[in-house]
């Protein structure tokens, strides 16, 4: 079974490709070339976030996030819960 990334988009659980090869396989030649160029230079600690960003492109997640960030910027209560104090990992 192939690895997948799971997230919620528009209230639905969505499974996304979870390997570099599977993410790349969803792309056009132009997108794959841009992906190859960019991913080769991503620092290791940032790699999971960048892979997730590429996997979620064209899913509508960006638009959903923008709407949420706009609401937050206006000071709307979006039902977020305080996660508690920030802690640093030693």
N, C-alpha and C. Protein backbone atom coordinates (compact mmCIF):
# COMPACT_ATOMS: atom_id res chain seq x y z
N UNK A 1 0.84 -1.18 0.00
CA UNK A 1 0.00 0.00 0.00
C UNK A 1 0.89 1.25 0.00
N UNK A 2 0.57 2.19 -0.84
CA UNK A 2 1.34 3.44 -0.93
C UNK A 2 1.07 4.32 0.28
N UNK A 3 2.09 5.03 0.70
CA UNK A 3 1.93 5.99 1.79
C UNK A 3 1.05 7.13 1.32
N UNK A 4 0.26 7.66 2.24
CA UNK A 4 -0.58 8.80 1.91
C UNK A 4 -0.47 9.85 3.01
N UNK A 5 -0.77 11.07 2.63
CA UNK A 5 -0.95 12.16 3.57
C UNK A 5 -2.45 12.36 3.70
N UNK A 6 -2.93 12.63 4.89
CA UNK A 6 -4.36 12.85 5.10
C UNK A 6 -4.57 14.23 5.67
N UNK A 7 -5.59 14.91 5.14
CA UNK A 7 -5.95 16.23 5.63
C UNK A 7 -7.44 16.43 5.41
N UNK A 8 -7.96 17.49 5.94
CA UNK A 8 -9.37 17.83 5.74
C UNK A 8 -9.43 19.07 4.88
N UNK A 9 -10.15 18.97 3.77
CA UNK A 9 -10.35 20.08 2.86
C UNK A 9 -11.85 20.20 2.62
N UNK A 10 -12.39 21.38 2.84
CA UNK A 10 -13.82 21.63 2.68
C UNK A 10 -14.65 20.64 3.49
N UNK A 11 -14.16 20.32 4.69
CA UNK A 11 -14.91 19.44 5.58
C UNK A 11 -14.83 17.96 5.25
N UNK A 12 -14.04 17.60 4.26
CA UNK A 12 -13.93 16.18 3.87
C UNK A 12 -12.51 15.69 4.10
N UNK A 13 -12.39 14.45 4.57
CA UNK A 13 -11.08 13.83 4.71
C UNK A 13 -10.56 13.51 3.31
N UNK A 14 -9.36 13.95 3.02
CA UNK A 14 -8.76 13.77 1.71
C UNK A 14 -7.43 13.04 1.88
N UNK A 15 -7.20 12.02 1.06
CA UNK A 15 -5.91 11.34 1.04
C UNK A 15 -5.12 11.85 -0.15
N UNK A 16 -3.88 12.24 0.13
CA UNK A 16 -2.99 12.79 -0.89
C UNK A 16 -1.80 11.86 -1.05
N UNK A 17 -1.10 11.94 -2.17
CA UNK A 17 0.09 11.12 -2.33
C UNK A 17 1.09 11.41 -1.22
N UNK A 18 1.74 10.37 -0.72
CA UNK A 18 2.60 10.52 0.44
C UNK A 18 4.06 10.18 0.22
N UNK A 19 4.47 10.06 -1.03
CA UNK A 19 5.89 9.87 -1.32
C UNK A 19 6.29 10.88 -2.39
N UNK A 20 7.58 11.13 -2.47
CA UNK A 20 8.07 12.07 -3.49
C UNK A 20 7.67 11.58 -4.88
N UNK A 21 7.84 10.29 -5.14
CA UNK A 21 7.50 9.75 -6.46
C UNK A 21 6.01 9.87 -6.75
N UNK A 22 5.17 9.60 -5.76
CA UNK A 22 3.72 9.67 -5.98
C UNK A 22 3.26 11.11 -6.18
N UNK A 23 3.85 12.04 -5.42
CA UNK A 23 3.51 13.45 -5.61
C UNK A 23 3.91 13.89 -7.01
N UNK A 24 5.11 13.53 -7.42
CA UNK A 24 5.64 13.92 -8.73
C UNK A 24 4.80 13.31 -9.86
N UNK A 25 4.28 12.10 -9.66
CA UNK A 25 3.50 11.42 -10.70
C UNK A 25 2.19 12.13 -11.02
N UNK A 26 1.73 13.01 -10.14
CA UNK A 26 0.47 13.73 -10.37
C UNK A 26 0.66 14.99 -11.21
N UNK A 27 1.92 15.29 -11.56
CA UNK A 27 2.24 16.58 -12.18
C UNK A 27 2.44 16.50 -13.69
N UNK A 28 2.20 17.64 -14.33
CA UNK A 28 2.56 17.78 -15.73
C UNK A 28 4.09 17.83 -15.81
N UNK A 29 4.62 17.74 -17.01
CA UNK A 29 6.08 17.81 -17.18
C UNK A 29 6.65 19.13 -16.65
N UNK A 30 5.94 20.23 -16.91
CA UNK A 30 6.41 21.53 -16.44
C UNK A 30 6.40 21.61 -14.93
N UNK A 31 5.31 21.13 -14.31
CA UNK A 31 5.23 21.14 -12.85
C UNK A 31 6.31 20.25 -12.25
N UNK A 32 6.53 19.08 -12.84
CA UNK A 32 7.54 18.15 -12.33
C UNK A 32 8.93 18.77 -12.40
N UNK A 33 9.22 19.50 -13.46
CA UNK A 33 10.52 20.16 -13.58
C UNK A 33 10.68 21.21 -12.48
N UNK A 34 9.65 21.99 -12.22
CA UNK A 34 9.70 23.00 -11.16
C UNK A 34 9.84 22.32 -9.79
N UNK A 35 9.10 21.24 -9.59
CA UNK A 35 9.19 20.47 -8.36
C UNK A 35 10.61 19.95 -8.14
N UNK A 36 11.18 19.32 -9.16
CA UNK A 36 12.53 18.77 -9.05
C UNK A 36 13.53 19.86 -8.70
N UNK A 37 13.42 21.00 -9.34
CA UNK A 37 14.34 22.11 -9.09
C UNK A 37 14.20 22.61 -7.66
N UNK A 38 12.98 22.80 -7.20
CA UNK A 38 12.75 23.36 -5.87
C UNK A 38 13.06 22.36 -4.76
N UNK A 39 12.57 21.14 -4.88
CA UNK A 39 12.67 20.17 -3.79
C UNK A 39 14.13 19.79 -3.52
N UNK A 40 14.97 19.85 -4.54
CA UNK A 40 16.38 19.52 -4.36
C UNK A 40 17.11 20.49 -3.44
N UNK A 41 16.54 21.67 -3.22
CA UNK A 41 17.20 22.70 -2.43
C UNK A 41 16.49 23.02 -1.12
N UNK A 42 15.49 22.24 -0.78
CA UNK A 42 14.75 22.47 0.46
C UNK A 42 15.55 21.88 1.63
N UNK A 43 15.79 22.67 2.68
CA UNK A 43 16.48 22.14 3.85
C UNK A 43 15.68 20.98 4.46
N UNK A 44 16.37 19.96 4.93
CA UNK A 44 15.73 18.74 5.44
C UNK A 44 14.62 19.01 6.45
N UNK A 45 14.80 19.93 7.42
CA UNK A 45 13.72 20.15 8.38
C UNK A 45 12.44 20.70 7.75
N UNK A 46 12.55 21.35 6.59
CA UNK A 46 11.38 21.94 5.92
C UNK A 46 10.77 21.01 4.88
N UNK A 47 11.42 19.88 4.63
CA UNK A 47 10.98 18.99 3.56
C UNK A 47 9.55 18.47 3.74
N UNK A 48 9.14 18.01 4.92
CA UNK A 48 7.76 17.53 5.05
C UNK A 48 6.70 18.59 4.69
N UNK A 49 6.92 19.82 5.14
CA UNK A 49 5.96 20.88 4.85
C UNK A 49 5.92 21.20 3.36
N UNK A 50 7.08 21.20 2.71
CA UNK A 50 7.11 21.49 1.28
C UNK A 50 6.47 20.36 0.46
N UNK A 51 6.71 19.12 0.86
CA UNK A 51 6.07 18.01 0.17
C UNK A 51 4.55 18.08 0.32
N UNK A 52 4.09 18.42 1.51
CA UNK A 52 2.65 18.57 1.73
C UNK A 52 2.09 19.70 0.87
N UNK A 53 2.82 20.81 0.79
CA UNK A 53 2.37 21.94 -0.05
C UNK A 53 2.22 21.52 -1.51
N UNK A 54 3.21 20.79 -2.01
CA UNK A 54 3.13 20.33 -3.40
C UNK A 54 1.99 19.32 -3.57
N UNK A 55 1.82 18.44 -2.60
CA UNK A 55 0.75 17.43 -2.71
C UNK A 55 -0.63 18.07 -2.69
N UNK A 56 -0.78 19.19 -1.99
CA UNK A 56 -2.09 19.83 -1.87
C UNK A 56 -2.40 20.85 -2.95
N UNK A 57 -1.43 21.11 -3.84
CA UNK A 57 -1.71 22.10 -4.88
C UNK A 57 -2.91 21.61 -5.70
N UNK A 58 -3.69 22.53 -6.17
CA UNK A 58 -4.87 22.25 -7.00
C UNK A 58 -5.97 21.49 -6.25
N UNK A 59 -5.97 21.52 -4.92
CA UNK A 59 -7.02 20.84 -4.16
C UNK A 59 -8.05 21.81 -3.61
N UNK A 60 -7.78 23.11 -3.69
CA UNK A 60 -8.64 24.11 -3.09
C UNK A 60 -8.24 24.46 -1.67
N UNK A 61 -7.25 23.77 -1.12
CA UNK A 61 -6.82 24.02 0.25
C UNK A 61 -6.29 25.44 0.41
N UNK A 62 -5.57 25.95 -0.58
CA UNK A 62 -5.03 27.31 -0.49
C UNK A 62 -6.14 28.34 -0.37
N UNK A 63 -7.18 28.18 -1.18
CA UNK A 63 -8.29 29.12 -1.14
C UNK A 63 -9.01 29.04 0.20
N UNK A 64 -9.18 27.84 0.72
CA UNK A 64 -9.82 27.65 2.02
C UNK A 64 -8.99 28.34 3.11
N UNK A 65 -7.67 28.18 3.05
CA UNK A 65 -6.79 28.82 4.03
C UNK A 65 -6.88 30.34 3.94
N UNK A 66 -6.91 30.88 2.72
CA UNK A 66 -6.98 32.33 2.55
C UNK A 66 -8.24 32.90 3.20
N UNK A 67 -9.37 32.21 3.01
CA UNK A 67 -10.63 32.66 3.61
C UNK A 67 -10.49 32.66 5.14
N UNK A 68 -9.92 31.60 5.69
CA UNK A 68 -9.73 31.51 7.13
C UNK A 68 -8.80 32.61 7.63
N UNK A 69 -7.68 32.84 6.93
CA UNK A 69 -6.74 33.88 7.36
C UNK A 69 -7.37 35.27 7.27
N UNK A 70 -8.21 35.50 6.26
CA UNK A 70 -8.91 36.78 6.16
C UNK A 70 -9.84 36.96 7.37
N UNK A 71 -10.55 35.92 7.75
CA UNK A 71 -11.44 35.99 8.92
C UNK A 71 -10.64 36.28 10.18
N UNK A 72 -9.50 35.61 10.33
CA UNK A 72 -8.66 35.84 11.50
C UNK A 72 -8.14 37.28 11.52
N UNK A 73 -7.74 37.79 10.37
CA UNK A 73 -7.23 39.15 10.28
C UNK A 73 -8.29 40.18 10.66
N UNK A 74 -9.56 39.86 10.39
CA UNK A 74 -10.66 40.75 10.77
C UNK A 74 -11.03 40.60 12.24
N UNK A 75 -10.40 39.65 12.93
CA UNK A 75 -10.67 39.46 14.35
C UNK A 75 -11.87 38.58 14.64
N UNK A 76 -12.35 37.85 13.65
CA UNK A 76 -13.50 36.98 13.87
C UNK A 76 -13.12 35.82 14.79
N UNK A 77 -14.08 35.38 15.58
CA UNK A 77 -13.92 34.19 16.39
C UNK A 77 -14.22 32.99 15.49
N UNK A 78 -13.21 32.19 15.23
CA UNK A 78 -13.40 31.05 14.33
C UNK A 78 -13.52 29.73 15.09
N UNK A 79 -13.63 29.85 16.43
CA UNK A 79 -13.78 28.64 17.23
C UNK A 79 -12.47 27.95 17.55
N UNK A 80 -11.37 28.67 17.37
CA UNK A 80 -10.07 28.07 17.69
C UNK A 80 -9.95 27.90 19.19
N UNK A 81 -9.20 26.92 19.60
CA UNK A 81 -8.99 26.62 21.00
C UNK A 81 -7.55 26.91 21.37
N UNK A 82 -7.34 27.57 22.49
CA UNK A 82 -5.99 27.88 22.95
C UNK A 82 -5.24 26.59 23.20
N UNK A 83 -4.09 26.45 22.58
CA UNK A 83 -3.28 25.25 22.73
C UNK A 83 -2.41 25.30 23.97
N UNK A 84 -2.45 26.38 24.70
CA UNK A 84 -1.62 26.49 25.90
C UNK A 84 -0.34 27.22 25.58
N UNK A 85 0.51 27.32 26.60
CA UNK A 85 1.76 28.08 26.40
C UNK A 85 2.68 27.37 25.41
N UNK A 86 3.42 28.19 24.69
CA UNK A 86 4.43 27.64 23.78
C UNK A 86 5.54 27.02 24.61
N UNK A 87 6.03 25.91 24.18
CA UNK A 87 7.16 25.29 24.85
C UNK A 87 8.24 25.02 23.84
N UNK A 88 9.47 25.12 24.28
CA UNK A 88 10.59 24.84 23.40
C UNK A 88 11.10 23.45 23.68
N UNK A 89 11.49 22.76 22.63
CA UNK A 89 12.07 21.44 22.77
C UNK A 89 13.55 21.62 23.01
N UNK A 90 14.05 21.00 24.06
CA UNK A 90 15.47 21.15 24.40
C UNK A 90 16.33 20.30 23.51
